[in-house]
Structures are given as C-alpha cells and as structure tokens.
C-alpha cells in the first residue's frame, strides 16, 4: 500500500446505519487516491464492497480480515481520511486526528455523535422523521424503511485531498 490512501468502512452493527455498497463504490470510483476497505469477513458490506470494486475494475486494497484493533487503528492513522457510517471507527479516526466523512441516516450528528474536527464532516439527508432515536435502531417508516440513507448522494460524500 502506498503512502497516500483513504480508508473506508461500509459496515455497521445496526442495519439502519448502513449506507449502500453501491453508494460507497460510487464515491471510491471517483476518489483521487487508492482506497483501503476495512472490515472483517463477517461484515457483509465490506466483503460486498471489495467484490463490487473488483467488478468495476477500481483499484483498491482489501483490509477485510481478522485484524486486531491496533492494526486497524494504525491503518486509519496512516490514511488521508476515513469514509464511514456512524460507527465506532468514526470516533477512533477522530481521536487519531484523521479527517472523517461520516454518513448519518437514522441518527443525527447533533445528538452527540458528530465529528468534531474542523477537517471532518457529517453527511446526512434532511427528512421529517430524522432522527429515529439516539442510536437509529427504530425507523418510523413502515414502507421504504431507512429512506434517509437513500437520499444521501455519493457526490455529498466525496473525499477531499
């Protein structure tokens, strides 16, 4: 892996916090730097993103595997930035001084989970039903659940170098 790269973590323990793999792939396809995909073999979104990038012919590195948190932290610290859902790695990256593009769907950055660094930013859609609660585990919509994530365009989540 080269010296300049972005890191990406598309998974989340909460289904409502998972932005689509195709949206992540769209952002990565337009990235000015190579991308390192993080996650474990159990993170379906990470595995699917690696496969989607390979299908599209987009250069990337796979960091998907059974890695220790120390290793993942080192990879994040060495990156130019992290594109991530509202998850623990977002906060780890912030603590390491790494710029974050955080994707917020059913959660809301102003509920205490916002990136706080000036070089980081939160990306979200503005729907009447957002937030669905503090952790995003409940969606008010009976149809088209987690619509808030579908309205976040890949253009809004582009990396800045």
Protein backbone atom coordinates (compact mmCIF):
# COMPACT_ATOMS: atom_id res chain seq x y z
CA UNK A 1 0.00 0.00 0.00
CA UNK A 2 1.27 3.43 -0.92
CA UNK A 3 1.75 6.36 1.41
CA UNK A 4 -1.39 8.19 0.31
CA UNK A 5 -4.75 6.43 0.56
CA UNK A 6 -8.22 6.79 2.00
CA UNK A 7 -9.79 4.22 4.30
CA UNK A 8 -13.42 3.09 4.06
CA UNK A 9 -15.60 1.10 6.46
CA UNK A 10 -19.04 0.40 4.95
CA UNK A 11 -20.42 -1.88 7.68
CA UNK A 12 -22.24 -1.27 10.92
CA UNK A 13 -23.77 -3.39 13.65
CA UNK A 14 -27.08 -1.53 13.11
CA UNK A 15 -28.85 -2.22 9.80
CA UNK A 16 -30.23 1.30 9.78
CA UNK A 17 -26.75 2.82 9.77
CA UNK A 18 -25.57 1.00 6.63
CA UNK A 19 -25.27 3.20 3.54
CA UNK A 20 -25.47 1.17 0.34
CA UNK A 21 -22.46 -0.66 -1.06
CA UNK A 22 -23.15 0.87 -4.49
CA UNK A 23 -23.03 4.38 -2.97
CA UNK A 24 -19.67 3.62 -1.35
CA UNK A 25 -18.41 2.22 -4.66
CA UNK A 26 -19.54 5.37 -6.49
CA UNK A 27 -17.53 7.56 -4.08
CA UNK A 28 -14.48 5.32 -4.34
CA UNK A 29 -14.68 5.21 -8.13
CA UNK A 30 -14.21 8.99 -8.14
CA UNK A 31 -11.51 9.05 -5.48
CA UNK A 32 -8.23 10.78 -6.35
CA UNK A 33 -6.36 8.27 -4.14
CA UNK A 34 -6.44 4.50 -3.72
CA UNK A 35 -8.80 3.15 -1.09
CA UNK A 36 -8.33 0.60 1.70
CA UNK A 37 -11.56 -1.23 2.55
CA UNK A 38 -11.77 -2.16 6.24
CA UNK A 39 -13.88 -4.78 7.98
CA UNK A 40 -14.00 -8.42 8.93
CA UNK A 41 -15.15 -11.42 6.94
CA UNK A 42 -18.45 -11.13 8.89
CA UNK A 43 -19.04 -7.57 7.61
CA UNK A 44 -21.19 -8.35 4.57
CA UNK A 45 -20.92 -4.79 3.31
CA UNK A 46 -17.11 -4.84 3.42
CA UNK A 47 -16.94 -8.16 1.56
CA UNK A 48 -19.53 -6.94 -0.97
CA UNK A 49 -17.68 -3.64 -1.49
CA UNK A 50 -14.40 -5.42 -2.26
CA UNK A 51 -16.26 -7.59 -4.80
CA UNK A 52 -18.05 -4.57 -6.32
CA UNK A 53 -14.80 -2.62 -6.70
CA UNK A 54 -13.17 -5.62 -8.38
CA UNK A 55 -16.20 -5.96 -10.69
CA UNK A 56 -15.91 -2.27 -11.65
CA UNK A 57 -12.14 -2.52 -12.11
CA UNK A 58 -11.49 0.11 -9.43
CA UNK A 59 -8.03 -0.13 -7.81
CA UNK A 60 -8.27 -0.77 -4.08
CA UNK A 61 -6.72 -2.63 -1.19
CA UNK A 62 -8.63 -5.08 0.95
CA UNK A 63 -8.15 -4.80 4.67
CA UNK A 64 -11.00 -7.25 5.22
CA UNK A 65 -9.97 -9.97 7.58
CA UNK A 66 -9.39 -10.91 11.19
CA UNK A 67 -7.27 -7.91 12.19
CA UNK A 68 -6.60 -6.61 15.66
CA UNK A 69 -7.98 -3.20 16.55
CA UNK A 70 -4.39 -1.98 16.93
CA UNK A 71 -3.70 -2.86 13.27
CA UNK A 72 -6.90 -1.19 12.06
CA UNK A 73 -6.05 1.91 14.11
CA UNK A 74 -2.60 2.03 12.51
CA UNK A 75 -4.14 1.79 9.03
CA UNK A 76 -6.63 4.55 9.82
CA UNK A 77 -3.91 6.75 11.32
CA UNK A 78 -1.85 6.33 8.13
CA UNK A 79 -4.73 7.30 5.86
CA UNK A 80 -5.66 10.70 4.43
CA UNK A 81 -9.23 10.22 5.67
CA UNK A 82 -11.97 7.75 6.54
CA UNK A 83 -15.37 7.38 4.88
CA UNK A 84 -17.58 5.61 7.38
CA UNK A 85 -21.11 5.16 8.68
CA UNK A 86 -21.93 6.47 12.16
CA UNK A 87 -19.90 3.77 13.94
CA UNK A 88 -17.10 3.36 16.44
CA UNK A 89 -14.39 3.65 13.78
CA UNK A 90 -15.60 7.18 13.05
CA UNK A 91 -14.77 8.16 16.61
CA UNK A 92 -11.49 6.23 16.58
CA UNK A 93 -10.39 8.11 13.46
CA UNK A 94 -11.31 11.43 15.06
CA UNK A 95 -9.29 10.52 18.17
CA UNK A 96 -6.34 9.68 15.91
CA UNK A 97 -6.57 13.09 14.21
CA UNK A 98 -7.76 11.66 10.88
CA UNK A 99 -10.37 13.53 8.82
CA UNK A 100 -13.72 11.77 8.62
CA UNK A 101 -16.64 11.85 6.23
CA UNK A 102 -19.38 10.40 8.42
CA UNK A 103 -22.63 9.07 6.94
CA UNK A 104 -25.67 9.71 9.14
CA UNK A 105 -29.07 8.25 8.27
CA UNK A 106 -31.42 7.49 11.15
CA UNK A 107 -29.05 9.01 13.69
CA UNK A 108 -28.24 12.67 13.82
CA UNK A 109 -24.81 14.21 14.34
CA UNK A 110 -26.22 16.83 16.71
CA UNK A 111 -27.28 14.16 19.21
CA UNK A 112 -23.70 13.99 20.43
CA UNK A 113 -22.12 11.79 17.78
CA UNK A 114 -20.91 14.41 15.30
CA UNK A 115 -17.34 14.54 14.07
CA UNK A 116 -15.73 17.37 15.99
CA UNK A 117 -12.58 18.08 13.99
CA UNK A 118 -12.74 21.05 11.64
CA UNK A 119 -11.47 18.93 8.75
CA UNK A 120 -14.17 16.28 9.29
CA UNK A 121 -17.78 16.49 8.20
CA UNK A 122 -21.12 14.80 8.65
CA UNK A 123 -23.25 13.94 5.62
CA UNK A 124 -26.98 13.39 6.02
CA UNK A 125 -30.34 13.92 4.39
CA UNK A 126 -32.97 16.18 5.88
CA UNK A 127 -36.18 14.23 6.40
CA UNK A 128 -39.00 14.98 8.83
CA UNK A 129 -38.51 11.63 10.54
CA UNK A 130 -34.79 12.02 11.26
CA UNK A 131 -33.52 11.18 13.77
CA UNK A 132 -35.30 7.92 14.56
CA UNK A 133 -33.78 7.94 18.01
CA UNK A 134 -30.38 8.23 19.56
CA UNK A 135 -28.95 5.02 18.06
CA UNK A 136 -31.05 4.70 14.89
CA UNK A 137 -32.40 1.30 15.83
CA UNK A 138 -36.00 2.32 15.17
CA UNK A 139 -37.38 3.66 11.90
CA UNK A 140 -40.76 5.42 11.91
CA UNK A 141 -41.45 4.44 8.30
CA UNK A 142 -43.42 1.27 7.68
CA UNK A 143 -42.69 1.47 3.95
CA UNK A 144 -39.34 2.44 2.42
CA UNK A 145 -37.52 1.97 5.70
CA UNK A 146 -34.34 3.98 6.27
CA UNK A 147 -35.17 6.24 3.36
CA UNK A 148 -32.85 8.81 4.90
CA UNK A 149 -29.82 6.80 3.74
CA UNK A 150 -31.17 6.52 0.19
CA UNK A 151 -31.24 10.31 -0.14
CA UNK A 152 -27.54 10.77 0.58
CA UNK A 153 -25.80 11.17 -2.76
CA UNK A 154 -22.31 9.93 -3.39
CA UNK A 155 -21.43 13.48 -4.51
CA UNK A 156 -22.07 14.75 -0.96
CA UNK A 157 -19.70 12.15 0.47
CA UNK A 158 -16.72 12.69 -1.84
CA UNK A 159 -13.27 12.76 -0.31
CA UNK A 160 -11.26 15.95 -0.25
CA UNK A 161 -7.49 15.75 -0.60
